[in-house]
């Protein structure tokens, strides 16, 4: 589902953010991406949905070489990928329902389809009762669940999550991780970046570990933390 072949990323000459990354994440797999701050986690995730492009190497997503996708067609790639950020990135002027519906509205879905898909996504994350609230009137944990619902509402093949529990306490983090397990049970591939070693122990999955831009463990799908 996601494959990297000798991928490098350089922002400043002589300073590699990622070096010779080789990895393969299978369809329906749930993997963690970890490493110290500055190890390259966010850069690696951005390469998957083409928010960044590699300096060298090839990246395949759903068997397509994304290096060859022209800028005007990147939206087609991103329809396959749900993206979740640490800081939620919800729009305060919209309700919970409207935030979740936004990706569907942008791509021109009929209102009946939007309603059905948004209700389904909100039900999965347990927030149907909050659909008419603005983000500022719900808790941080609920805001992250809204962000998750927005990411899954378009039935993506892949979820990419960058420190989705970084602003949450342990109890709420566990609750959010259980939601990701339910999403994964539906066959969606998940690549989730986290620095929380306690959660990695509670939810054993393959761990891709970065150190100073290099993948130091977890590239083999049989590897376990």
N, C-alpha and C. Protein backbone atom coordinates (compact mmCIF):
# COMPACT_ATOMS: atom_id res chain seq x y z
N UNK A 1 0.82 -1.22 0.00
CA UNK A 1 0.00 0.00 0.00
C UNK A 1 0.86 1.27 0.00
N UNK A 2 1.93 1.26 0.82
CA UNK A 2 2.89 2.38 0.83
C UNK A 2 4.30 1.79 0.77
N UNK A 3 5.08 2.24 -0.23
CA UNK A 3 6.43 1.71 -0.41
C UNK A 3 7.41 2.85 -0.66
N UNK A 4 8.53 2.80 0.05
CA UNK A 4 9.63 3.75 -0.14
C UNK A 4 10.84 2.99 -0.65
N UNK A 5 11.49 3.53 -1.69
CA UNK A 5 12.69 2.92 -2.24
C UNK A 5 13.81 3.95 -2.28
N UNK A 6 14.77 3.79 -1.38
CA UNK A 6 15.96 4.66 -1.32
C UNK A 6 15.56 6.13 -1.36
N UNK A 7 14.68 6.50 -0.43
CA UNK A 7 14.16 7.87 -0.39
C UNK A 7 15.03 8.77 0.49
N UNK A 8 15.38 9.91 -0.07
CA UNK A 8 16.13 10.95 0.65
C UNK A 8 15.31 12.24 0.60
N UNK A 9 15.45 13.04 1.66
CA UNK A 9 14.84 14.37 1.64
C UNK A 9 15.82 15.36 2.26
N UNK A 10 16.10 16.41 1.52
CA UNK A 10 17.02 17.44 1.95
C UNK A 10 16.35 18.80 1.85
N UNK A 11 16.34 19.56 2.95
CA UNK A 11 15.82 20.92 2.94
C UNK A 11 16.95 21.94 2.77
N UNK A 12 18.06 21.66 3.46
CA UNK A 12 19.23 22.54 3.42
C UNK A 12 20.41 21.73 2.90
N UNK A 13 21.17 22.30 1.99
CA UNK A 13 22.30 21.58 1.41
C UNK A 13 23.23 21.04 2.50
N UNK A 14 23.52 19.75 2.40
CA UNK A 14 24.40 19.11 3.37
C UNK A 14 23.70 18.61 4.62
N UNK A 15 22.39 18.85 4.72
CA UNK A 15 21.64 18.43 5.91
C UNK A 15 20.44 17.60 5.46
N UNK A 16 20.53 16.28 5.65
CA UNK A 16 19.47 15.38 5.18
C UNK A 16 18.41 15.18 6.26
N UNK A 17 17.15 15.50 5.94
CA UNK A 17 16.04 15.23 6.86
C UNK A 17 15.72 13.75 6.88
N UNK A 18 15.85 13.08 5.72
CA UNK A 18 15.68 11.63 5.61
C UNK A 18 16.80 11.09 4.72
N UNK A 19 17.29 9.90 5.08
CA UNK A 19 18.39 9.31 4.33
C UNK A 19 18.12 7.84 4.03
N UNK A 20 18.06 7.51 2.76
CA UNK A 20 17.99 6.13 2.28
C UNK A 20 16.89 5.32 2.98
N UNK A 21 15.67 5.84 2.93
CA UNK A 21 14.53 5.18 3.56
C UNK A 21 13.97 4.10 2.64
N UNK A 22 13.94 2.88 3.13
CA UNK A 22 13.32 1.76 2.42
C UNK A 22 12.30 1.12 3.36
N UNK A 23 11.05 1.06 2.94
CA UNK A 23 10.04 0.46 3.78
C UNK A 23 8.84 0.04 2.94
N UNK A 24 8.04 -0.85 3.52
CA UNK A 24 6.82 -1.30 2.87
C UNK A 24 5.75 -1.50 3.93
N UNK A 25 4.61 -0.86 3.74
CA UNK A 25 3.46 -1.02 4.63
C UNK A 25 2.36 -1.68 3.81
N UNK A 26 1.90 -2.84 4.26
CA UNK A 26 0.94 -3.62 3.50
C UNK A 26 -0.48 -3.06 3.63
N UNK A 27 -1.31 -3.42 2.68
CA UNK A 27 -2.73 -3.05 2.73
C UNK A 27 -3.35 -3.59 4.01
N UNK A 28 -4.04 -2.71 4.74
CA UNK A 28 -4.72 -3.11 5.96
C UNK A 28 -3.83 -3.19 7.19
N UNK A 29 -2.56 -2.85 7.04
CA UNK A 29 -1.65 -2.91 8.18
C UNK A 29 -1.79 -1.65 9.04
N UNK A 30 -1.45 -1.77 10.32
CA UNK A 30 -1.44 -0.66 11.27
C UNK A 30 -0.03 -0.60 11.83
N UNK A 31 0.72 0.45 11.46
CA UNK A 31 2.10 0.58 11.95
C UNK A 31 2.28 1.90 12.66
N UNK A 32 3.22 1.90 13.60
CA UNK A 32 3.61 3.12 14.30
C UNK A 32 4.92 3.63 13.73
N UNK A 33 5.05 4.95 13.72
CA UNK A 33 6.28 5.62 13.33
C UNK A 33 6.76 6.41 14.53
N UNK A 34 7.98 6.13 14.98
CA UNK A 34 8.45 6.79 16.19
C UNK A 34 9.89 7.25 16.03
N UNK A 35 10.35 8.01 17.00
CA UNK A 35 11.69 8.59 16.97
C UNK A 35 11.69 9.91 17.72
N UNK A 36 12.86 10.39 18.07
CA UNK A 36 12.98 11.64 18.81
C UNK A 36 12.49 12.81 17.97
N UNK A 37 12.26 13.93 18.63
CA UNK A 37 11.90 15.15 17.92
C UNK A 37 13.00 15.48 16.91
N UNK A 38 12.59 15.76 15.67
CA UNK A 38 13.56 16.07 14.63
C UNK A 38 14.10 14.85 13.90
N UNK A 39 13.58 13.65 14.23
CA UNK A 39 14.08 12.43 13.60
C UNK A 39 13.63 12.28 12.16
N UNK A 40 12.55 12.99 11.78
CA UNK A 40 12.07 12.93 10.40
C UNK A 40 10.67 12.37 10.24
N UNK A 41 9.96 12.18 11.35
CA UNK A 41 8.62 11.55 11.29
C UNK A 41 7.66 12.36 10.44
N UNK A 42 7.55 13.65 10.72
CA UNK A 42 6.60 14.49 9.99
C UNK A 42 6.97 14.57 8.52
N UNK A 43 8.25 14.70 8.22
CA UNK A 43 8.69 14.73 6.83
C UNK A 43 8.29 13.47 6.10
N UNK A 44 8.50 12.31 6.72
CA UNK A 44 8.14 11.05 6.08
C UNK A 44 6.65 10.99 5.79
N UNK A 45 5.83 11.41 6.75
CA UNK A 45 4.38 11.39 6.52
C UNK A 45 3.99 12.35 5.41
N UNK A 46 4.59 13.53 5.38
CA UNK A 46 4.25 14.50 4.34
C UNK A 46 4.59 13.99 2.94
N UNK A 47 5.62 13.17 2.84
CA UNK A 47 5.97 12.60 1.54
C UNK A 47 4.88 11.68 1.02
N UNK A 48 4.17 11.00 1.94
CA UNK A 48 3.14 10.05 1.54
C UNK A 48 1.98 10.75 0.84
N UNK A 49 1.58 11.91 1.36
CA UNK A 49 0.45 12.60 0.71
C UNK A 49 0.91 13.78 -0.14
N UNK A 50 2.20 13.77 -0.47
CA UNK A 50 2.81 14.71 -1.42
C UNK A 50 2.66 16.16 -0.99
N UNK A 51 2.76 16.39 0.32
CA UNK A 51 2.92 17.75 0.81
C UNK A 51 4.38 18.16 0.68
N UNK A 52 5.25 17.17 0.60
CA UNK A 52 6.67 17.33 0.26
C UNK A 52 7.00 16.32 -0.83
N UNK A 53 8.06 16.59 -1.57
CA UNK A 53 8.53 15.65 -2.58
C UNK A 53 9.95 15.19 -2.22
N UNK A 54 10.30 13.96 -2.53
CA UNK A 54 11.63 13.47 -2.18
C UNK A 54 12.72 14.13 -3.01
N UNK A 55 13.89 14.29 -2.40
CA UNK A 55 15.06 14.78 -3.14
C UNK A 55 15.60 13.68 -4.05
N UNK A 56 15.51 12.45 -3.57
CA UNK A 56 15.90 11.27 -4.35
C UNK A 56 15.02 10.10 -3.93
N UNK A 57 14.87 9.13 -4.82
CA UNK A 57 14.13 7.92 -4.48
C UNK A 57 12.72 7.90 -5.03
N UNK A 58 12.07 6.75 -4.85
CA UNK A 58 10.72 6.53 -5.37
C UNK A 58 9.76 6.19 -4.24
N UNK A 59 8.53 6.68 -4.36
CA UNK A 59 7.47 6.39 -3.38
C UNK A 59 6.25 5.89 -4.14
N UNK A 60 5.75 4.74 -3.74
CA UNK A 60 4.53 4.18 -4.31
C UNK A 60 3.42 4.20 -3.26
N UNK A 61 2.26 4.67 -3.66
CA UNK A 61 1.07 4.65 -2.81
C UNK A 61 -0.03 3.97 -3.61
N UNK A 62 -0.56 2.88 -3.08
CA UNK A 62 -1.58 2.11 -3.77
C UNK A 62 -1.10 1.73 -5.18
N UNK A 63 0.16 1.30 -5.24
CA UNK A 63 0.83 0.82 -6.46
C UNK A 63 1.15 1.91 -7.49
N UNK A 64 0.86 3.18 -7.18
CA UNK A 64 1.15 4.27 -8.12
C UNK A 64 2.39 5.02 -7.66
N UNK A 65 3.30 5.30 -8.60
CA UNK A 65 4.48 6.09 -8.30
C UNK A 65 4.07 7.55 -8.18
N UNK A 66 4.03 8.05 -6.95
CA UNK A 66 3.48 9.40 -6.75
C UNK A 66 4.44 10.49 -7.22
N UNK A 67 5.71 10.14 -7.45
CA UNK A 67 6.64 11.12 -8.03
C UNK A 67 6.16 11.58 -9.40
N UNK A 68 5.39 10.72 -10.07
CA UNK A 68 4.96 11.01 -11.43
C UNK A 68 3.61 11.74 -11.50
N UNK A 69 3.00 11.98 -10.34
CA UNK A 69 1.69 12.64 -10.33
C UNK A 69 1.89 14.15 -10.49
N UNK A 70 1.33 14.76 -11.52
CA UNK A 70 1.46 16.22 -11.67
C UNK A 70 0.69 16.96 -10.59
N UNK A 71 1.12 18.17 -10.30
CA UNK A 71 0.52 18.96 -9.22
C UNK A 71 -1.00 19.08 -9.36
N UNK A 72 -1.49 19.21 -10.58
CA UNK A 72 -2.93 19.40 -10.77
C UNK A 72 -3.74 18.15 -10.45
N UNK A 73 -3.07 16.99 -10.30
CA UNK A 73 -3.77 15.75 -10.00
C UNK A 73 -3.47 15.22 -8.59
N UNK A 74 -2.77 16.01 -7.78
CA UNK A 74 -2.45 15.56 -6.41
C UNK A 74 -3.73 15.31 -5.62
N UNK A 75 -4.79 16.05 -5.91
CA UNK A 75 -6.06 15.87 -5.19
C UNK A 75 -6.56 14.43 -5.31
N UNK A 76 -6.27 13.77 -6.44
CA UNK A 76 -6.71 12.39 -6.62
C UNK A 76 -6.00 11.46 -5.64
N UNK A 77 -4.71 11.70 -5.43
CA UNK A 77 -3.96 10.94 -4.43
C UNK A 77 -4.54 11.17 -3.05
N UNK A 78 -4.81 12.41 -2.72
CA UNK A 78 -5.24 12.75 -1.35
C UNK A 78 -6.65 12.27 -1.05
N UNK A 79 -7.43 11.97 -2.07
CA UNK A 79 -8.74 11.36 -1.83
C UNK A 79 -8.60 9.95 -1.27
N UNK A 80 -7.44 9.34 -1.49
CA UNK A 80 -7.19 8.00 -0.96
C UNK A 80 -6.64 8.03 0.46
N UNK A 81 -6.29 9.23 0.95
CA UNK A 81 -5.56 9.35 2.20
C UNK A 81 -6.29 10.28 3.16
N UNK A 82 -6.56 9.79 4.37
CA UNK A 82 -7.08 10.64 5.44
C UNK A 82 -5.93 11.14 6.28
N UNK A 83 -5.88 12.45 6.53
CA UNK A 83 -4.74 13.06 7.22
C UNK A 83 -5.20 13.63 8.56
N UNK A 84 -4.48 13.30 9.63
CA UNK A 84 -4.83 13.75 10.97
C UNK A 84 -3.61 14.43 11.59
N UNK A 85 -3.83 15.63 12.13
CA UNK A 85 -2.75 16.43 12.69
C UNK A 85 -2.85 16.49 14.21
N UNK A 86 -1.73 16.80 14.85
CA UNK A 86 -1.71 16.93 16.31
C UNK A 86 -2.60 18.07 16.79
N UNK A 87 -2.62 19.17 16.03
CA UNK A 87 -3.36 20.36 16.47
C UNK A 87 -4.77 20.43 15.85
N UNK A 88 -5.28 19.32 15.41
CA UNK A 88 -6.67 19.14 14.96
C UNK A 88 -7.00 19.85 13.64
N UNK A 89 -6.65 21.14 13.54
CA UNK A 89 -6.93 21.95 12.34
C UNK A 89 -8.41 21.98 11.99
N UNK A 90 -9.24 22.17 13.01
CA UNK A 90 -10.67 22.34 12.78
C UNK A 90 -10.98 23.81 12.52
N UNK A 91 -12.05 24.06 11.80
CA UNK A 91 -12.46 25.43 11.47
C UNK A 91 -13.49 25.88 12.50
N UNK A 92 -13.13 26.89 13.27
CA UNK A 92 -13.96 27.30 14.40
C UNK A 92 -15.32 27.85 13.97
N UNK A 93 -15.40 28.43 12.79
CA UNK A 93 -16.66 29.02 12.33
C UNK A 93 -17.66 27.96 11.85
N UNK A 94 -17.22 26.70 11.78
CA UNK A 94 -18.09 25.61 11.34
C UNK A 94 -18.45 24.72 12.52
N UNK A 95 -19.59 24.06 12.44
CA UNK A 95 -19.96 23.09 13.47
C UNK A 95 -19.15 21.80 13.29
N UNK A 96 -19.28 20.92 14.27
CA UNK A 96 -18.65 19.60 14.16
C UNK A 96 -19.09 18.91 12.87
N UNK A 97 -20.39 18.91 12.62
CA UNK A 97 -20.92 18.28 11.41
C UNK A 97 -20.30 18.89 10.16
N UNK A 98 -20.24 20.22 10.12
CA UNK A 98 -19.73 20.91 8.93
C UNK A 98 -18.24 20.67 8.74
N UNK A 99 -17.48 20.58 9.83
CA UNK A 99 -16.06 20.26 9.72
C UNK A 99 -15.85 18.88 9.11
N UNK A 100 -16.62 17.92 9.58
CA UNK A 100 -16.49 16.56 9.07
C UNK A 100 -16.95 16.48 7.62
N UNK A 101 -17.99 17.23 7.28
CA UNK A 101 -18.56 17.20 5.93
C UNK A 101 -17.68 17.88 4.88
N UNK A 102 -16.78 18.74 5.32
CA UNK A 102 -16.04 19.61 4.39
C UNK A 102 -15.36 18.86 3.24
N UNK A 103 -14.63 17.76 3.48
CA UNK A 103 -14.00 17.07 2.34
C UNK A 103 -14.99 16.58 1.31
N UNK A 104 -16.17 16.19 1.74
CA UNK A 104 -17.19 15.70 0.82
C UNK A 104 -17.81 16.85 0.03
N UNK A 105 -18.02 17.97 0.71
CA UNK A 105 -18.59 19.15 0.05
C UNK A 105 -17.63 19.66 -1.03
N UNK A 106 -16.33 19.69 -0.68
CA UNK A 106 -15.32 20.17 -1.63
C UNK A 106 -15.29 19.33 -2.89
N UNK A 107 -15.50 18.02 -2.74
CA UNK A 107 -15.46 17.18 -3.93
C UNK A 107 -16.82 17.02 -4.61
N UNK A 108 -17.82 17.76 -4.12
CA UNK A 108 -19.08 17.87 -4.84
C UNK A 108 -20.08 16.77 -4.62
N UNK A 109 -20.02 16.09 -3.49
CA UNK A 109 -20.99 15.02 -3.20
C UNK A 109 -22.39 15.60 -2.96
N UNK A 110 -23.40 14.82 -3.30
CA UNK A 110 -24.79 15.24 -3.06
C UNK A 110 -25.05 15.35 -1.56
N UNK A 111 -25.98 16.22 -1.18
CA UNK A 111 -26.26 16.47 0.23
C UNK A 111 -26.72 15.20 0.95
N UNK A 112 -27.46 14.35 0.25
CA UNK A 112 -27.92 13.10 0.88
C UNK A 112 -26.75 12.17 1.17
N UNK A 113 -25.77 12.14 0.27
CA UNK A 113 -24.57 11.32 0.46
C UNK A 113 -23.74 11.90 1.60
N UNK A 114 -23.60 13.22 1.62
CA UNK A 114 -22.84 13.88 2.68
C UNK A 114 -23.45 13.55 4.04
N UNK A 115 -24.76 13.68 4.14
CA UNK A 115 -25.43 13.41 5.41
C UNK A 115 -25.20 11.99 5.88
N UNK A 116 -25.35 11.04 4.99
CA UNK A 116 -25.18 9.63 5.36
C UNK A 116 -23.74 9.34 5.80
N UNK A 117 -22.77 9.85 5.04
CA UNK A 117 -21.37 9.55 5.34
C UNK A 117 -20.89 10.26 6.61
N UNK A 118 -21.36 11.48 6.83
CA UNK A 118 -20.97 12.21 8.04
C UNK A 118 -21.56 11.54 9.27
N UNK A 119 -22.82 11.13 9.19
CA UNK A 119 -23.44 10.45 10.33
C UNK A 119 -22.70 9.17 10.67
N UNK A 120 -22.28 8.45 9.64
CA UNK A 120 -21.54 7.20 9.86
C UNK A 120 -20.21 7.46 10.53
N UNK A 121 -19.48 8.48 10.06
CA UNK A 121 -18.17 8.81 10.63
C UNK A 121 -18.31 9.28 12.08
N UNK A 122 -19.29 10.13 12.35
CA UNK A 122 -19.49 10.62 13.71
C UNK A 122 -19.92 9.49 14.65
N UNK A 123 -20.70 8.56 14.13
CA UNK A 123 -21.11 7.42 14.94
C UNK A 123 -19.90 6.56 15.33
N UNK A 124 -18.99 6.36 14.39
CA UNK A 124 -17.82 5.53 14.67
C UNK A 124 -16.96 6.14 15.78
N UNK A 125 -16.85 7.46 15.82
CA UNK A 125 -16.03 8.10 16.86
C UNK A 125 -16.85 8.53 18.07
N UNK A 126 -18.15 8.20 18.08
CA UNK A 126 -18.99 8.46 19.25
C UNK A 126 -19.35 9.92 19.46
N UNK A 127 -19.56 10.67 18.38
CA UNK A 127 -19.81 12.11 18.54
C UNK A 127 -21.07 12.58 17.82
N UNK A 128 -22.00 11.69 17.55
CA UNK A 128 -23.24 12.10 16.89
C UNK A 128 -23.96 13.18 17.70
N UNK A 129 -23.91 13.07 19.01
CA UNK A 129 -24.61 14.03 19.89
C UNK A 129 -23.95 15.40 19.93
N UNK A 130 -22.77 15.53 19.35
CA UNK A 130 -22.06 16.82 19.35
C UNK A 130 -22.06 17.49 17.97
N UNK A 131 -22.82 16.98 17.04
CA UNK A 131 -22.68 17.41 15.65
C UNK A 131 -22.98 18.89 15.42
N UNK A 132 -23.80 19.51 16.26
CA UNK A 132 -24.16 20.91 16.05
C UNK A 132 -23.33 21.88 16.90
N UNK A 133 -22.32 21.35 17.59
CA UNK A 133 -21.46 22.18 18.43
C UNK A 133 -20.31 22.77 17.61
N UNK A 134 -19.87 24.00 17.96
CA UNK A 134 -18.61 24.50 17.37
C UNK A 134 -17.44 23.84 18.10
N UNK A 135 -16.27 23.74 17.48
CA UNK A 135 -15.13 23.09 18.11
C UNK A 135 -14.76 23.65 19.48
N UNK A 136 -14.94 24.95 19.68
CA UNK A 136 -14.55 25.56 20.95
C UNK A 136 -15.42 25.11 22.12
N UNK A 137 -16.55 24.47 21.83
CA UNK A 137 -17.48 24.05 22.88
C UNK A 137 -17.38 22.56 23.19
N UNK A 138 -16.35 21.90 22.70
CA UNK A 138 -16.13 20.50 23.03
C UNK A 138 -14.69 20.34 23.54
N UNK A 139 -14.42 19.23 24.18
CA UNK A 139 -13.11 19.01 24.80
C UNK A 139 -12.03 18.72 23.75
N UNK A 140 -10.76 18.74 24.21
CA UNK A 140 -9.66 18.44 23.31
C UNK A 140 -9.75 17.02 22.75
N UNK A 141 -10.13 16.08 23.61
CA UNK A 141 -10.28 14.71 23.14
C UNK A 141 -11.38 14.59 22.10
N UNK A 142 -12.47 15.33 22.29
CA UNK A 142 -13.56 15.31 21.32
C UNK A 142 -13.14 15.99 20.02
N UNK A 143 -12.36 17.06 20.13
CA UNK A 143 -11.87 17.73 18.91
C UNK A 143 -11.00 16.78 18.09
N UNK A 144 -10.18 15.98 18.76
CA UNK A 144 -9.36 15.04 18.01
C UNK A 144 -10.22 13.97 17.34
N UNK A 145 -11.29 13.57 18.02
CA UNK A 145 -12.20 12.59 17.41
C UNK A 145 -12.92 13.18 16.20
N UNK A 146 -13.22 14.49 16.26
CA UNK A 146 -13.79 15.16 15.08
C UNK A 146 -12.80 15.12 13.93
N UNK A 147 -11.53 15.38 14.23
CA UNK A 147 -10.49 15.34 13.21
C UNK A 147 -10.37 13.94 12.60
N UNK A 148 -10.51 12.93 13.43
CA UNK A 148 -10.47 11.55 12.93
C UNK A 148 -11.68 11.28 12.02
N UNK A 149 -12.85 11.73 12.46
CA UNK A 149 -14.06 11.55 11.64
C UNK A 149 -13.91 12.24 10.29
N UNK A 150 -13.35 13.42 10.30
CA UNK A 150 -13.13 14.15 9.03
C UNK A 150 -12.17 13.37 8.12
N UNK A 151 -11.17 12.73 8.72
CA UNK A 151 -10.19 11.98 7.93
C UNK A 151 -10.78 10.72 7.31
N UNK A 152 -11.74 10.10 7.98
CA UNK A 152 -12.28 8.83 7.49
C UNK A 152 -13.56 8.99 6.69
N UNK A 153 -14.14 10.19 6.67
CA UNK A 153 -15.48 10.36 6.11
C UNK A 153 -15.53 10.01 4.62
N UNK A 154 -14.43 10.22 3.91
CA UNK A 154 -14.42 9.94 2.47
C UNK A 154 -14.01 8.53 2.11
N UNK A 155 -14.01 7.63 3.11
CA UNK A 155 -13.62 6.23 2.90
C UNK A 155 -12.22 6.10 2.28
N UNK A 156 -11.20 6.66 2.92
CA UNK A 156 -9.85 6.57 2.38
C UNK A 156 -9.30 5.16 2.50
N UNK A 157 -8.26 4.87 1.73
CA UNK A 157 -7.59 3.58 1.84
C UNK A 157 -6.50 3.62 2.91
N UNK A 158 -6.01 4.83 3.20
CA UNK A 158 -4.89 5.01 4.12
C UNK A 158 -5.20 6.15 5.08
N UNK A 159 -4.84 5.98 6.34
CA UNK A 159 -4.87 7.07 7.32
C UNK A 159 -3.43 7.38 7.72
N UNK A 160 -3.07 8.65 7.63
CA UNK A 160 -1.76 9.14 8.07
C UNK A 160 -2.01 10.08 9.25
N UNK A 161 -1.45 9.75 10.41
CA UNK A 161 -1.72 10.53 11.62
C UNK A 161 -0.41 10.98 12.25
N UNK A 162 -0.24 12.28 12.43
CA UNK A 162 0.99 12.85 12.97
C UNK A 162 0.78 13.26 14.42
N UNK A 163 1.28 12.44 15.35
CA UNK A 163 1.16 12.69 16.79
C UNK A 163 -0.28 13.04 17.18
N UNK A 164 -1.25 12.22 16.84
CA UNK A 164 -2.65 12.57 17.09
C UNK A 164 -3.03 12.65 18.56
N UNK A 165 -2.19 12.10 19.44
CA UNK A 165 -2.49 12.16 20.88
C UNK A 165 -1.50 13.05 21.62
N UNK A 166 -0.72 13.82 20.88
CA UNK A 166 0.33 14.63 21.50
C UNK A 166 -0.19 15.67 22.47
N UNK A 167 -1.43 16.13 22.29
CA UNK A 167 -2.01 17.16 23.17
C UNK A 167 -3.01 16.58 24.16
N UNK A 168 -3.04 15.24 24.28
CA UNK A 168 -4.04 14.59 25.12
C UNK A 168 -3.38 13.88 26.29
N UNK A 169 -4.14 13.72 27.39
CA UNK A 169 -3.60 12.95 28.51
C UNK A 169 -3.69 11.46 28.19
N UNK A 170 -3.13 10.65 29.09
CA UNK A 170 -3.01 9.21 28.81
C UNK A 170 -4.37 8.55 28.61
N UNK A 171 -5.34 8.88 29.45
CA UNK A 171 -6.66 8.25 29.35
C UNK A 171 -7.31 8.55 28.01
N UNK A 172 -7.26 9.82 27.60
CA UNK A 172 -7.85 10.20 26.31
C UNK A 172 -7.06 9.60 25.15
N UNK A 173 -5.74 9.50 25.31
CA UNK A 173 -4.91 8.91 24.26
C UNK A 173 -5.29 7.46 24.02
N UNK A 174 -5.52 6.72 25.09
CA UNK A 174 -5.93 5.32 24.96
C UNK A 174 -7.27 5.22 24.25
N UNK A 175 -8.18 6.12 24.59
CA UNK A 175 -9.49 6.14 23.94
C UNK A 175 -9.35 6.38 22.43
N UNK A 176 -8.48 7.31 22.05
CA UNK A 176 -8.26 7.62 20.64
C UNK A 176 -7.61 6.45 19.92
N UNK A 177 -6.63 5.79 20.57
CA UNK A 177 -5.98 4.64 19.95
C UNK A 177 -6.97 3.51 19.71
N UNK A 178 -7.93 3.34 20.59
CA UNK A 178 -8.94 2.30 20.40
C UNK A 178 -9.81 2.62 19.18
N UNK A 179 -10.05 3.90 18.94
CA UNK A 179 -10.79 4.29 17.73
C UNK A 179 -9.99 3.92 16.49
N UNK A 180 -8.69 4.16 16.53
CA UNK A 180 -7.85 3.78 15.38
C UNK A 180 -7.89 2.27 15.15
N UNK A 181 -7.96 1.49 16.22
CA UNK A 181 -8.07 0.04 16.07
C UNK A 181 -9.37 -0.33 15.36
N UNK A 182 -10.46 0.35 15.70
CA UNK A 182 -11.75 0.06 15.05
C UNK A 182 -11.69 0.44 13.56
N UNK A 183 -11.04 1.55 13.26
CA UNK A 183 -10.90 1.97 11.87
C UNK A 183 -10.07 0.94 11.10
N UNK A 184 -8.98 0.51 11.69
CA UNK A 184 -8.11 -0.48 11.06
C UNK A 184 -8.84 -1.80 10.82
N UNK A 185 -9.75 -2.16 11.73
CA UNK A 185 -10.51 -3.40 11.59
C UNK A 185 -11.39 -3.38 10.35
N UNK A 186 -11.66 -2.19 9.81
CA UNK A 186 -12.43 -2.06 8.57
C UNK A 186 -11.56 -2.16 7.33
N UNK A 187 -10.27 -2.48 7.51
CA UNK A 187 -9.38 -2.69 6.38
C UNK A 187 -8.59 -1.48 5.95
N UNK A 188 -8.67 -0.38 6.70
CA UNK A 188 -7.94 0.83 6.34
C UNK A 188 -6.51 0.74 6.87
N UNK A 189 -5.55 1.03 6.02
CA UNK A 189 -4.15 1.06 6.40
C UNK A 189 -3.88 2.29 7.26
N UNK A 190 -3.16 2.13 8.36
CA UNK A 190 -2.88 3.26 9.26
C UNK A 190 -1.38 3.36 9.50
N UNK A 191 -0.85 4.57 9.31
CA UNK A 191 0.52 4.90 9.67
C UNK A 191 0.44 6.05 10.67
N UNK A 192 0.81 5.78 11.91
CA UNK A 192 0.59 6.73 12.99
C UNK A 192 1.91 7.06 13.67
N UNK A 193 2.26 8.35 13.66
CA UNK A 193 3.49 8.81 14.31
C UNK A 193 3.20 9.13 15.78
N UNK A 194 4.05 8.63 16.65
CA UNK A 194 3.92 8.94 18.08
C UNK A 194 5.27 8.80 18.76
N UNK A 195 5.47 9.58 19.81
CA UNK A 195 6.67 9.43 20.63
C UNK A 195 6.35 8.77 21.96
N UNK A 196 5.08 8.40 22.16
CA UNK A 196 4.62 7.87 23.45
C UNK A 196 4.93 6.37 23.54
N UNK A 197 6.01 6.05 24.23
CA UNK A 197 6.44 4.66 24.34
C UNK A 197 5.45 3.81 25.15
N UNK A 198 4.78 4.43 26.10
CA UNK A 198 3.78 3.70 26.89
C UNK A 198 2.65 3.19 26.01
N UNK A 199 2.18 4.03 25.10
CA UNK A 199 1.11 3.61 24.19
C UNK A 199 1.59 2.56 23.21
N UNK A 200 2.84 2.61 22.83
CA UNK A 200 3.38 1.59 21.94
C UNK A 200 3.38 0.22 22.62
N UNK A 201 3.56 0.21 23.93
CA UNK A 201 3.52 -1.06 24.66
C UNK A 201 2.08 -1.56 24.84
N UNK A 202 1.15 -0.62 25.03
CA UNK A 202 -0.25 -1.00 25.22
C UNK A 202 -0.90 -1.51 23.93
N UNK A 203 -0.43 -0.99 22.80
CA UNK A 203 -1.01 -1.35 21.50
C UNK A 203 0.10 -1.90 20.59
N UNK A 204 0.53 -3.13 20.83
CA UNK A 204 1.67 -3.68 20.08
C UNK A 204 1.38 -3.81 18.58
N UNK A 205 2.18 -3.13 17.82
CA UNK A 205 2.14 -3.16 16.36
C UNK A 205 3.58 -3.04 15.86
N UNK A 206 3.77 -3.24 14.57
CA UNK A 206 5.10 -2.98 14.02
C UNK A 206 5.46 -1.51 14.21
N UNK A 207 6.70 -1.27 14.59
CA UNK A 207 7.17 0.09 14.84
C UNK A 207 8.29 0.44 13.87
N UNK A 208 8.08 1.48 13.09
CA UNK A 208 9.12 2.05 12.24
C UNK A 208 9.83 3.12 13.07
N UNK A 209 11.11 2.88 13.34
CA UNK A 209 11.84 3.77 14.25
C UNK A 209 12.88 4.58 13.47
N UNK A 210 12.75 5.91 13.54
CA UNK A 210 13.68 6.82 12.88
C UNK A 210 14.68 7.39 13.87
N UNK A 211 15.90 7.58 13.40
CA UNK A 211 16.94 8.21 14.20
C UNK A 211 17.77 9.09 13.27
N UNK A 212 17.66 10.40 13.48
CA UNK A 212 18.40 11.38 12.68
C UNK A 212 18.21 11.14 11.18
N UNK A 213 16.97 10.89 10.80
CA UNK A 213 16.64 10.76 9.39
C UNK A 213 16.83 9.40 8.79
N UNK A 214 17.30 8.46 9.59
CA UNK A 214 17.49 7.09 9.09
C UNK A 214 16.50 6.14 9.75
N UNK A 215 16.00 5.20 8.98
CA UNK A 215 15.13 4.16 9.52
C UNK A 215 16.01 3.08 10.13
N UNK A 216 15.95 2.96 11.46
CA UNK A 216 16.88 2.06 12.16
C UNK A 216 16.24 0.74 12.56
N UNK A 217 14.92 0.65 12.53
CA UNK A 217 14.26 -0.63 12.79
C UNK A 217 12.83 -0.57 12.30
N UNK A 218 12.27 -1.77 12.06
CA UNK A 218 10.87 -1.88 11.70
C UNK A 218 10.57 -1.96 10.23
N UNK A 219 11.61 -1.88 9.37
CA UNK A 219 11.34 -1.91 7.93
C UNK A 219 10.80 -3.24 7.47
N UNK A 220 11.14 -4.32 8.17
CA UNK A 220 10.65 -5.65 7.85
C UNK A 220 9.29 -5.83 8.50
N UNK A 221 8.27 -6.18 7.74
CA UNK A 221 6.91 -6.28 8.30
C UNK A 221 6.78 -7.36 9.35
N UNK A 222 7.78 -8.26 9.46
CA UNK A 222 7.74 -9.26 10.52
C UNK A 222 8.32 -8.76 11.82
N UNK A 223 8.97 -7.57 11.77
CA UNK A 223 9.59 -7.01 12.97
C UNK A 223 8.53 -6.52 13.93
N UNK A 224 8.73 -6.73 15.20
CA UNK A 224 7.83 -6.23 16.22
C UNK A 224 8.62 -5.45 17.25
N UNK A 225 7.97 -4.47 17.95
CA UNK A 225 8.71 -3.69 18.94
C UNK A 225 9.18 -4.56 20.10
